[in-house]
Amino acid sequence: MTCENITTLYKSECNICGGFSNASSTNIFTEEEMIELIEGVLIGLYTVNNLPIWYYERTAEALFSGVEIGFGSTLVDLEFGGVDYLLLKELQTNIYVFSAAKTYQQVNDISALLLKYSDRPDLFRKEAVKIFEAYSSPKGINYLSAEYQTAKGMAREAKNWIKYIDQKDLFPLLQYQTQGDDRVRPSHAELDNIIRPVGDAFWNNYSPKNGWRCRCYLIQLDEGTETDVSDFKQPSDVPDIFMMNPYKDKIIFSHKHPYFEVSKGDKQLALDNFNLPMP
């Protein structure tokens, strides 16, 4: 099940800094709505070919609200067609595509229980509740909380990059900075104080955020000595899904995220956003 893979990914924790994905509780669904989704799968109303639009849209709206908070603006606040507007619009698209994939995986995981408990609807419901709570409820692991916190942090960094690009003639260099305290995880300490030009490929992979609840940031420099990164290797506990740049890639969530891993027969469905509407 995808649920097991996500739990492992989202439970990743640094013993030094406490960088844990489940930083807060995000609850956007009622118990009645949880029951509606589970019963809908049980009776065949909801399948991977007919996903619940209401669940998808509510998830996307919640995550995009985090993006807007991190970005510091909403789409209606920005000039249509401007750099800020176009970037935020791309981030919105990524959020909706991600939310569609999340909805697919949740329904797929619950649907897999139908075979296992074909003659025990009581056990089906019990296990389905566990899956729903993991994906979307504070009672479980609550993947949604991890995703919301990531959405805010990545959007903030994407917005900062607009400034870095605009001011690169005055400040041609960027320096990686940790918080410099005893909570800095070792992998991020390896990145601390690295100096590279604004347009350098190094920032394609190592622009913050580089993990759950990452507190690192970049500062602009008008002069400095560039760090030799020719032999730099990816730190062991920087997850692949964070090896990106939210401004350059125009995404919050990388397509390396397990939600995007669909069965061969559903690849065209994924390309069609699982038949779910885009904003």
Protein backbone atom coordinates (compact mmCIF):
# COMPACT_ATOMS: atom_id res chain seq x y z
CA MET A 1 0.00 0.00 0.00
CA THR A 2 1.10 3.56 -0.68
CA CYS A 3 -0.04 4.39 2.85
CA GLU A 4 2.82 2.38 4.35
CA ASN A 5 5.41 4.13 2.16
CA ILE A 6 4.09 7.59 3.02
CA THR A 7 4.05 6.84 6.73
CA THR A 8 7.73 5.86 6.57
CA LEU A 9 8.57 8.99 4.57
CA TYR A 10 6.60 11.40 6.76
CA LYS A 11 7.80 9.89 10.02
CA SER A 12 11.42 10.70 9.18
CA GLU A 13 12.78 12.55 12.18
CA CYS A 14 16.12 14.07 13.14
CA ASN A 15 17.04 13.26 16.74
CA ILE A 16 19.14 16.41 16.97
CA CYS A 17 16.82 19.10 15.65
CA GLY A 18 13.47 17.38 16.07
CA GLY A 19 12.73 17.96 12.39
CA PHE A 20 9.54 15.96 12.21
CA SER A 21 7.06 16.18 9.38
CA ASN A 22 3.92 16.10 11.54
CA ALA A 23 4.51 19.56 12.97
CA SER A 24 0.89 20.49 13.61
CA SER A 25 -2.62 19.16 13.32
CA THR A 26 -4.58 20.07 10.23
CA ASN A 27 -8.21 18.94 10.16
CA ILE A 28 -10.49 19.90 7.28
CA PHE A 29 -12.84 16.92 7.18
CA THR A 30 -15.65 15.97 9.53
CA GLU A 31 -16.25 12.46 10.81
CA GLU A 32 -19.37 12.34 8.65
CA GLU A 33 -17.30 13.10 5.57
CA MET A 34 -14.83 10.38 6.49
CA ILE A 35 -17.71 7.92 6.69
CA GLU A 36 -19.09 9.18 3.37
CA LEU A 37 -15.80 8.47 1.60
CA ILE A 38 -15.36 5.03 3.17
CA GLU A 39 -18.93 3.96 2.49
CA GLY A 40 -18.64 5.37 -1.02
CA VAL A 41 -15.70 3.06 -1.70
CA LEU A 42 -17.52 0.13 -0.12
CA ILE A 43 -20.55 0.45 -2.40
CA GLY A 44 -18.51 1.26 -5.51
CA LEU A 45 -19.48 4.93 -5.73
CA TYR A 46 -15.85 6.04 -5.41
CA THR A 47 -13.14 4.28 -7.40
CA VAL A 48 -9.81 5.34 -8.91
CA ASN A 49 -11.80 6.11 -12.06
CA ASN A 50 -14.41 8.12 -10.18
CA LEU A 51 -12.70 9.98 -7.35
CA PRO A 52 -14.59 12.18 -4.86
CA ILE A 53 -14.29 15.70 -6.25
CA TRP A 54 -15.25 17.26 -2.91
CA TYR A 55 -12.35 15.54 -1.13
CA TYR A 56 -9.88 16.56 -3.84
CA GLU A 57 -10.99 20.19 -3.94
CA ARG A 58 -11.02 20.59 -0.16
CA THR A 59 -7.51 19.12 0.08
CA ALA A 60 -6.20 21.38 -2.68
CA GLU A 61 -7.81 24.47 -1.18
CA ALA A 62 -6.27 23.75 2.24
CA LEU A 63 -2.79 23.21 0.82
CA PHE A 64 -2.99 26.24 -1.45
CA SER A 65 -3.99 28.40 1.50
CA GLY A 66 -0.65 27.39 3.01
CA VAL A 67 1.08 28.37 -0.23
CA GLU A 68 -0.58 31.80 -0.20
CA ILE A 69 0.47 32.35 3.43
CA GLY A 70 4.06 31.44 2.64
CA PHE A 71 4.08 33.47 -0.57
CA GLY A 72 2.62 36.45 1.23
CA SER A 73 -0.04 37.13 -1.40
CA THR A 74 -3.14 35.68 -2.98
CA LEU A 75 -3.72 35.56 -6.72
CA VAL A 76 -6.30 38.37 -6.51
CA ASP A 77 -3.71 40.59 -4.79
CA LEU A 78 -1.26 40.34 -7.68
CA GLU A 79 -1.11 42.00 -11.08
CA PHE A 80 -2.46 39.59 -13.69
CA GLY A 81 0.39 38.33 -15.86
CA GLY A 82 3.12 39.70 -13.57
CA VAL A 83 6.10 37.62 -12.43
CA ASP A 84 4.63 37.04 -8.98
CA TYR A 85 1.23 36.14 -10.38
CA LEU A 86 2.60 33.67 -12.94
CA LEU A 87 4.76 31.93 -10.33
CA LEU A 88 1.93 31.64 -7.83
CA LYS A 89 -0.34 30.31 -10.57
CA GLU A 90 2.21 27.59 -11.39
CA LEU A 91 2.43 26.68 -7.72
CA GLN A 92 -1.36 26.46 -7.59
CA THR A 93 -1.35 24.07 -10.53
CA ASN A 94 1.20 21.87 -8.78
CA ILE A 95 -0.91 21.83 -5.62
CA TYR A 96 -3.99 20.68 -7.51
CA VAL A 97 -2.08 17.99 -9.42
CA PHE A 98 -0.57 16.82 -6.13
CA SER A 99 -3.99 16.80 -4.45
CA ALA A 100 -5.44 14.73 -7.28
CA ALA A 101 -2.65 12.19 -6.88
CA LYS A 102 -3.18 12.15 -3.12
CA THR A 103 -6.91 11.51 -3.59
CA TYR A 104 -6.15 8.69 -6.04
CA GLN A 105 -3.74 7.03 -3.60
CA GLN A 106 -6.13 7.27 -0.67
CA VAL A 107 -9.04 5.78 -2.59
CA ASN A 108 -6.72 3.15 -4.06
CA ASP A 109 -5.47 2.16 -0.60
CA ILE A 110 -9.00 1.90 0.80
CA SER A 111 -10.19 0.01 -2.29
CA ALA A 112 -7.43 -2.57 -1.76
CA LEU A 113 -9.17 -3.52 1.49
CA LEU A 114 -12.24 -4.69 -0.42
CA LEU A 115 -10.49 -7.89 -1.53
CA LYS A 116 -8.87 -8.50 1.84
CA TYR A 117 -12.13 -8.10 3.76
CA SER A 118 -14.67 -9.05 1.09
CA ASP A 119 -16.81 -10.92 3.61
CA ARG A 120 -16.09 -8.70 6.64
CA PRO A 121 -17.41 -5.17 6.08
CA ASP A 122 -16.86 -4.43 9.76
CA LEU A 123 -13.11 -5.06 9.42
CA PHE A 124 -13.06 -3.18 6.13
CA ARG A 125 -14.49 -0.10 7.84
CA LYS A 126 -12.10 -0.39 10.78
CA GLU A 127 -9.01 -0.54 8.55
CA ALA A 128 -10.37 2.11 6.18
CA VAL A 129 -10.71 4.54 9.10
CA LYS A 130 -7.01 4.04 9.89
CA ILE A 131 -6.08 4.91 6.30
CA PHE A 132 -8.32 7.98 6.23
CA GLU A 133 -6.91 9.21 9.52
CA ALA A 134 -3.35 8.76 8.29
CA TYR A 135 -4.01 10.77 5.14
CA SER A 136 -6.21 13.51 6.51
CA SER A 137 -6.96 13.50 10.24
CA PRO A 138 -5.16 14.69 13.40
CA LYS A 139 -6.13 11.34 14.95
CA GLY A 140 -3.60 9.60 12.71
CA ILE A 141 -0.14 10.36 11.31
CA ASN A 142 -1.87 13.20 9.44
CA TYR A 143 -0.01 13.48 6.16
CA LEU A 144 -1.99 16.64 5.46
CA SER A 145 -0.25 18.52 8.28
CA ALA A 146 3.18 17.62 6.90
CA GLU A 147 2.10 18.71 3.43
CA TYR A 148 0.63 21.99 4.70
CA GLN A 149 3.82 22.94 6.54
CA THR A 150 5.89 22.08 3.47
CA ALA A 151 3.59 24.13 1.25
CA LYS A 152 4.12 27.23 3.40
CA GLY A 153 7.89 26.87 3.57
CA MET A 154 8.43 26.11 -0.10
CA ALA A 155 6.19 28.99 -1.19
CA ARG A 156 8.14 31.40 1.00
CA GLU A 157 11.40 30.31 -0.62
CA ALA A 158 9.90 30.53 -4.13
CA LYS A 159 8.89 34.14 -3.45
CA ASN A 160 12.37 34.96 -2.09
CA TRP A 161 13.92 33.79 -5.34
CA ILE A 162 12.13 36.52 -7.26
CA LYS A 163 14.13 38.99 -5.18
CA TYR A 164 17.38 37.06 -5.65
CA ILE A 165 16.98 37.12 -9.42
CA ASP A 166 15.93 40.78 -9.56
CA GLN A 167 18.86 41.91 -7.41
CA LYS A 168 21.60 39.60 -8.73
CA ASP A 169 23.55 42.51 -10.24
CA LEU A 170 23.85 44.07 -6.78
CA PHE A 171 24.06 40.78 -4.89
CA PRO A 172 25.54 38.18 -7.25
CA LEU A 173 26.14 35.56 -4.54
CA LEU A 174 23.97 33.54 -2.18
CA GLN A 175 25.12 31.96 1.06
CA TYR A 176 23.42 29.00 2.73
CA GLN A 177 22.66 29.60 6.39
CA THR A 178 21.47 27.33 9.18
CA GLN A 179 20.12 28.66 12.45
CA GLY A 180 23.53 27.97 14.01
CA ASP A 181 22.17 26.31 17.16
CA ASP A 182 22.34 22.82 18.64
CA ARG A 183 19.19 21.79 16.75
CA VAL A 184 20.83 21.98 13.32
CA ARG A 185 20.77 18.52 11.77
CA PRO A 186 24.15 17.21 10.50
CA SER A 187 23.16 17.13 6.85
CA HIS A 188 22.24 20.80 6.94
CA ALA A 189 25.42 21.64 8.81
CA GLU A 190 27.25 20.29 5.73
CA LEU A 191 25.47 22.97 3.68
CA ASP A 192 26.09 25.80 6.13
CA ASN A 193 27.99 28.81 4.73
CA ILE A 194 28.29 27.44 1.20
CA ILE A 195 28.56 30.40 -1.19
CA ARG A 196 27.61 30.10 -4.86
CA PRO A 197 26.43 32.55 -7.55
CA VAL A 198 22.70 33.21 -7.81
CA GLY A 199 22.48 31.40 -11.14
CA ASP A 200 24.62 28.44 -10.10
CA ALA A 201 23.28 24.92 -10.65
CA PHE A 202 24.00 24.08 -7.00
CA TRP A 203 20.83 25.89 -6.00
CA ASN A 204 18.77 23.69 -8.31
CA ASN A 205 18.96 20.99 -5.62
CA TYR A 206 19.96 22.67 -2.37
CA SER A 207 17.86 25.79 -2.10
CA PRO A 208 15.93 25.50 1.19
CA LYS A 209 13.75 23.80 2.24
CA ASN A 210 15.81 20.60 2.49
CA GLY A 211 13.74 18.52 4.87
CA TRP A 212 10.76 18.48 7.19
CA ARG A 213 10.59 21.67 9.26
CA CYS A 214 13.85 22.86 7.74
CA ARG A 215 14.77 26.23 9.25
CA CYS A 216 17.57 27.05 6.82
CA TYR A 217 17.60 30.09 4.56
CA LEU A 218 19.73 31.97 2.02
CA ILE A 219 21.33 35.39 2.38
CA GLN A 220 22.43 37.69 -0.43
CA LEU A 221 26.07 38.78 -0.69
CA ASP A 222 27.60 41.56 -2.76
CA GLU A 223 31.01 39.88 -2.54
CA GLY A 224 32.62 36.75 -1.15
CA THR A 225 34.67 33.66 -1.96
CA GLU A 226 32.78 30.99 -3.84
CA THR A 227 32.78 27.55 -2.24
CA ASP A 228 34.18 24.65 -4.28
CA VAL A 229 31.32 22.15 -4.53
CA SER A 230 32.76 19.96 -7.26
CA ASP A 231 32.98 16.99 -4.88
CA PHE A 232 29.85 17.79 -2.87
CA LYS A 233 27.54 14.79 -2.45
CA GLN A 234 23.90 14.70 -1.43
CA PRO A 235 23.69 14.38 2.38
CA SER A 236 22.19 11.08 3.43
CA ASP A 237 19.11 12.51 5.15
CA VAL A 238 18.08 15.13 2.59
CA PRO A 239 15.08 13.34 1.00
CA ASP A 240 14.96 13.16 -2.79
CA ILE A 241 11.63 14.97 -2.82
CA PHE A 242 13.39 18.06 -1.43
CA MET A 243 16.14 18.00 -4.07
CA MET A 244 14.60 20.82 -6.10
CA ASN A 245 14.14 24.57 -6.31
CA PRO A 246 10.53 25.76 -5.87
CA TYR A 247 11.18 28.93 -7.92
CA LYS A 248 13.07 27.36 -10.81
CA ASP A 249 10.96 24.20 -10.95
CA LYS A 250 7.77 26.15 -10.16
CA ILE A 251 6.54 23.42 -7.86
CA ILE A 252 5.87 22.81 -4.20
CA PHE A 253 5.89 19.02 -4.40
CA SER A 254 8.33 17.09 -6.57
CA HIS A 255 7.09 14.34 -8.88
CA LYS A 256 9.45 12.06 -6.94
CA HIS A 257 6.81 12.05 -4.20
CA PRO A 258 5.22 8.58 -3.82
CA TYR A 259 1.75 9.97 -4.52
CA PHE A 260 2.76 10.22 -8.16
CA GLU A 261 3.63 6.52 -8.39
CA VAL A 262 0.61 5.02 -10.17
CA SER A 263 0.04 1.61 -11.67
CA LYS A 264 0.89 1.18 -15.35
CA GLY A 265 -2.78 0.94 -16.27
CA ASP A 266 -3.53 4.27 -14.59
CA LYS A 267 -0.76 6.37 -16.16
CA GLN A 268 -3.08 7.96 -18.73
CA LEU A 269 -5.57 8.62 -15.94
CA ALA A 270 -2.82 10.47 -14.07
CA LEU A 271 -1.99 12.53 -17.16
CA ASP A 272 -5.65 13.56 -17.25
CA ASN A 273 -5.46 14.63 -13.58
CA PHE A 274 -7.58 11.59 -12.71
CA ASN A 275 -10.54 13.28 -14.45
CA LEU A 276 -10.62 15.93 -11.74
CA PRO A 277 -11.10 19.62 -12.58
CA MET A 278 -8.29 22.16 -12.42
CA PRO A 279 -8.89 25.69 -11.09
